[in-house]
Amino acid sequence: MTPNLPTIHNYYSTTKMLGRSTKEAKTSNDSSQAGFSFYTVMCVSIACLVSFNNGWNTSDTNIIQSSIIECENPDEKFNGFPSCFPMGDWLWGFAVSSFSIGGAIGGLSAGWSQAKFGRRNSLLFNNIFFIVGALLLGLSKNKGTWIVGRFFTGIGSGFGTVVLPTYIGEVSTTRVRGAYGAMTQLTCVIGQLVTQAAGLGLSSRVGWRICMALTGAIAILQLVTLSFITETPRYYISKDRIDDAEKSLLKLRKGMDVTNELQTMVDARAEAKVNGEQTSIVDGFKFIMRDSLTRKHAFMCMFLCVIQQLCGINGIMYYSTSIFTSIYGNKTAQYLTVGVGAINLLATIVTILLIDRVGRKFLVLLSLAGMASFNVLMIIGIECDDSGLVILGLFAFVVSFALGMGPIPFLIISELIPTRAVSTVASSALGLNWLGNFVVGFFFPSLKNTMHGYVFLIFVGCCIAGFVGVLFFLPETKGRSIEEITGHGSNSATTNEPKISQN
């Protein structure tokens, strides 16, 4: 049997931890000031395989689209499998965006899972959806099976977009939280680029099945490697498993004094217990409704996640090949799509270098202003039949997205929301994100054929709305602890519990 683990009160009352004074620790070996460590980088990298898989599935239909829906003889079979599944604009839009329906369902269910079973275990379980989806996509004999496969990979991707930012935010320190947080978007972008490059060689009647089934191999890799990483200390503390939280911190901050960092986390949990607050999804909603600051931050997180999609990025990521094909022909369009993925990756790397120096709010404002401007440039290019302007506008739009609106909406949730409500807000915000993804993915092909270049005018309006909202309502989080930002933690606790001993 597993022995009973100490409660917060017992831990406070009985545990003596060796360490320097708080002042000394904060200026020398305090773990809360830690930078990058090998183990933490490994933990984040392994966890980010789910984001890589998300990126893979976001863009895997882009270059191979023509191989999936167009072939000389639709009735021709290869070893019993159809060579392609012919679809019109509306059905293809639904087939592609069924991924987003699954994403919304996965996102809405992930908060409960990560609060109950933990962040790492939730990531472990989530890989089942990718494996099932891979089998359905690779072995599909009709359109329905193929669409259901997209739906399952969507569940895995949506689930992962909730759990991953929470995991990263809870294993990283204030000093490098921005850079680690941007890894979510970086690995997603790498996944997009790799699948686009793979699509160049897999655009065939057999190759498209291999391309789509490879998502299962990525999932198996994460299943195997997740056993090497730790659960987050904040999750352990939310379950009153203080000894496990300390062990987790000691692994993550190897060689550093974790006393002050652990104390801050425990204080936040102690305050929640004194106030009768829990960490279930329902209790998270109740807390948000009671706490005006958290409520304001929660609405801002949801707003950012919706605007991220309605700015039009996945109109590009899903359909850039078809946009370029209308100008240059299919083969050139495929190479240009890979170029879009490459420039997206480079811009995301720049963002990681800037995010903890410049700040989140400035980058988001710069990103939204750039996207609005370059959407206008694409409209002019398409309507004036100027292919150079179209390419310039599209590439610059992707760069603008990567500079802020790509990584920051996911990162900001774990920075603005207290631990007790983060699962609730993450599920709601990212569920809305996936619904926005569905709207863009489903309607874009038909709207593009109807409105031509003016379809991007819709995205211009959304970018402007996002800019105004961020300008007036998004607080800066750079260099501030989660407890300081949210007002819940050691600085605001009013408990009579004694502190962890410092001597």
Foldseek 3Di string as FASTA:
>chain_A
DDDDFAFLQCCLVPDADEAADPVVQVVDFALLQDDDDPQLVLLLVLLLLLLLLLLLLLQLCALLVCQAAPDPDQPDADVLAGLHAHDDQQLQLLLSLLLLVLLLVLLLPLLQCCLPPNLLVLLLVLLVLLQCLLCQLLPPRYSVSNSVSSSSSSSSSNSSLLSSLLQLLQLDHLQQSLLSLLSSLLSSLVSNLVSLVQSLVQNGSNSSSVSSNCSSVSSVVSNVSSVSAATGLLSCVLVSNLVSSVVNNCSSRPPGDHQVVSLFSNQLNVLCVVVVAHQGLVSLVVVLVVDVQQVLLLVLLLLLLLLLLQLQPSLCSRHQQVVVCVQPNRSVSSVLSSVLSVLLNVLLVVLSVCPLPPFQLVLLLQLLVQSLVLLVQLLCCFVVVPVVSNSVSSSSNSSSCSSHSRRPSSNVLSQQHDNSNSSNSSSNSSSSSSVSNSVSSSCVSVCCVVVPSCVSVSSSVSSVVSSVCSVPRPDTRRSHHSCRNHVRTDVNRDDPRDTHHHD
